[in-house]
Amino acid sequence: MNTSMNTVDEALAASSPSTVLAAAWDALDLGVRVADAVTWDGTGDELQALTAAQACSAARSLLPLPDTGPPIPLEAGEIQDGPGGLAPYVSLLGRTHGALAALAGTDAQLGEAAEHAATAARALAAVRGQ
């Protein structure tokens, strides 16, 4: 996991809801870009990659825009080959689901975003048969 992903991962566990929401937005943005990248690389199930990208976008659209810096950088070469290559991103989306679910309480919109994040994690894991 790169340093930027570690920062987002730490922010998902923060006590400030605004910090958690910004981190979730960044994680979902990264999820979209990873899913888009693997859709075209010919190494997995393109339909699952598309499903992951759509679920990340749907979740992200339910969150406020972050007021932090630029998105997490992603170079296509950073995505490792093989079934385990997507594991860090699947794990990050799973932690995003947990963080959003913890914030949701009675907020239906955050609950829906959390469910989309869970769908994205499952779909991304299925891309290469994890």
Protein backbone atom coordinates (compact mmCIF):
# COMPACT_ATOMS: atom_id res chain seq x y z
CA MET A 1 0.00 0.00 0.00
CA ASN A 2 1.47 3.37 -0.95
CA THR A 3 1.88 6.26 1.49
CA SER A 4 -1.19 8.12 0.21
CA MET A 5 -3.34 5.02 0.69
CA ASN A 6 -1.98 4.67 4.23
CA THR A 7 -2.99 8.26 4.96
CA VAL A 8 -6.52 7.62 3.69
CA ASP A 9 -6.67 4.38 5.64
CA GLU A 10 -5.72 6.21 8.86
CA ALA A 11 -8.25 8.98 8.15
CA LEU A 12 -11.04 6.38 7.81
CA ALA A 13 -10.49 5.60 11.50
CA ALA A 14 -10.51 9.25 12.60
CA SER A 15 -12.94 10.56 15.19
CA SER A 16 -13.97 13.54 13.05
CA PRO A 17 -16.89 12.71 10.74
CA SER A 18 -15.69 15.25 8.17
CA THR A 19 -12.26 13.59 8.08
CA VAL A 20 -13.83 10.16 7.64
CA LEU A 21 -16.13 11.42 4.86
CA ALA A 22 -13.22 13.06 3.01
CA ALA A 23 -11.18 9.86 3.31
CA ALA A 24 -14.12 7.78 2.09
CA TRP A 25 -14.52 10.07 -0.92
CA ASP A 26 -10.82 9.68 -1.73
CA ALA A 27 -10.95 5.89 -1.32
CA LEU A 28 -14.00 5.63 -3.57
CA ASP A 29 -12.36 7.89 -6.15
CA LEU A 30 -9.33 5.61 -6.14
CA GLY A 31 -11.65 2.60 -6.43
CA VAL A 32 -13.20 4.05 -9.59
CA ARG A 33 -9.79 4.64 -11.14
CA VAL A 34 -8.48 1.18 -10.24
CA ALA A 35 -11.62 -0.50 -11.60
CA ASP A 36 -11.39 1.54 -14.79
CA ALA A 37 -7.74 0.58 -15.22
CA VAL A 38 -8.36 -3.15 -14.83
CA THR A 39 -11.43 -3.08 -17.04
CA TRP A 40 -9.17 -2.72 -20.05
CA ASP A 41 -6.07 -4.67 -19.02
CA GLY A 42 -7.47 -8.05 -20.10
CA THR A 43 -6.57 -9.81 -16.85
CA GLY A 44 -10.00 -10.31 -15.34
CA ASP A 45 -13.75 -10.04 -15.49
CA GLU A 46 -14.54 -6.72 -17.19
CA LEU A 47 -18.17 -6.80 -16.05
CA GLN A 48 -17.13 -7.07 -12.39
CA ALA A 49 -14.65 -4.21 -12.88
CA LEU A 50 -17.42 -2.08 -14.39
CA THR A 51 -19.72 -2.99 -11.50
CA ALA A 52 -17.03 -1.94 -9.02
CA ALA A 53 -16.51 1.39 -10.79
CA GLN A 54 -20.24 2.10 -10.89
CA ALA A 55 -20.71 1.20 -7.22
CA CYS A 56 -17.80 3.46 -6.21
CA SER A 57 -19.26 6.31 -8.26
CA ALA A 58 -22.70 5.80 -6.77
CA ALA A 59 -21.31 5.84 -3.24
CA ARG A 60 -19.13 8.86 -3.91
CA SER A 61 -22.08 10.79 -5.34
CA LEU A 62 -23.82 10.47 -1.97
CA LEU A 63 -20.94 12.07 -0.07
CA PRO A 64 -19.95 15.72 0.25
CA LEU A 65 -16.97 16.85 -1.80
CA PRO A 66 -13.80 16.76 0.27
CA ASP A 67 -12.10 20.05 1.01
CA THR A 68 -8.67 18.43 1.08
CA GLY A 69 -5.96 18.27 -1.55
CA PRO A 70 -5.80 16.41 -4.83
CA PRO A 71 -6.93 12.80 -5.24
CA ILE A 72 -4.65 9.91 -4.37
CA PRO A 73 -2.20 9.42 -7.25
CA LEU A 74 -2.48 6.18 -9.18
CA GLU A 75 -0.15 4.94 -11.85
CA ALA A 76 -1.36 1.94 -13.84
CA GLY A 77 1.96 0.24 -13.06
CA GLU A 78 1.13 0.34 -9.33
CA ILE A 79 -1.62 -2.24 -9.77
CA GLN A 80 0.01 -5.62 -9.30
CA ASP A 81 -0.74 -8.60 -11.54
CA GLY A 82 -2.60 -11.67 -10.40
CA PRO A 83 -5.47 -12.24 -8.00
CA GLY A 84 -3.68 -10.59 -5.08
CA GLY A 85 -2.85 -7.47 -7.04
CA LEU A 86 -6.18 -5.87 -6.27
CA ALA A 87 -6.18 -6.93 -2.60
CA PRO A 88 -5.01 -3.55 -1.19
CA TYR A 89 -7.79 -1.76 -3.05
CA VAL A 90 -10.42 -4.33 -2.11
CA SER A 91 -9.34 -4.01 1.51
CA LEU A 92 -9.47 -0.21 1.37
CA LEU A 93 -13.01 -0.33 -0.05
CA GLY A 94 -14.00 -2.77 2.68
CA ARG A 95 -12.68 -0.41 5.36
CA THR A 96 -14.50 2.44 3.61
CA HIS A 97 -17.72 0.45 3.91
CA GLY A 98 -17.09 -0.06 7.62
CA ALA A 99 -16.29 3.60 8.24
CA LEU A 100 -19.38 4.80 6.39
CA ALA A 101 -21.58 2.22 8.09
CA ALA A 102 -20.29 3.38 11.48
CA LEU A 103 -21.15 6.99 10.62
CA ALA A 104 -24.51 6.17 9.09
CA GLY A 105 -26.56 5.67 12.26
CA THR A 106 -29.98 6.81 11.09
CA ASP A 107 -28.66 8.65 8.03
CA ALA A 108 -30.10 6.67 5.11
CA GLN A 109 -27.86 8.39 2.57
CA LEU A 110 -24.67 7.37 4.37
CA GLY A 111 -26.08 3.87 4.84
CA GLU A 112 -26.68 3.67 1.10
CA ALA A 113 -23.14 4.92 0.39
CA ALA A 114 -21.79 2.24 2.74
CA GLU A 115 -23.71 -0.47 0.88
CA HIS A 116 -22.37 0.77 -2.46
CA ALA A 117 -18.83 0.63 -1.02
CA ALA A 118 -19.42 -2.98 0.06
CA THR A 119 -20.72 -3.86 -3.41
CA ALA A 120 -17.65 -2.22 -4.95
CA ALA A 121 -15.31 -4.22 -2.72
CA ARG A 122 -17.02 -7.51 -3.59
CA ALA A 123 -17.04 -6.74 -7.32
CA LEU A 124 -13.41 -5.64 -7.38
CA ALA A 125 -12.43 -8.81 -5.50
CA ALA A 126 -14.24 -10.87 -8.14
CA VAL A 127 -12.42 -9.21 -11.05
CA ARG A 128 -9.45 -11.53 -10.74
CA GLY A 129 -11.08 -14.24 -8.70
CA GLN A 130 -9.93 -13.27 -5.21
